[in-house]
Amino acid sequence: MGLIIIFALVTLLSVVGLVRSLREKNMLAIAFAAGTLAVFGWFTVMTIIHHGYPVAH
């Protein structure tokens, strides 16, 4: 349960970072924010699919 929450928070923060860097037109920040969003977004989705939400024991 805690892992899903941490992954989701990092994903949401990377969305905020991506939007902010798009507004500032900072290409390096866009690349890092998009990479973070892709990796942690994928981890979040796959963790929810694999383990379920809420976690079933």
Foldseek 3Di string as FASTA:
>chain_A
DVVLVVLVVQLVVLVVQCVVCVVVVPVVSNVVSVVSNVVSVVVNVVCCVVQNPPGDD
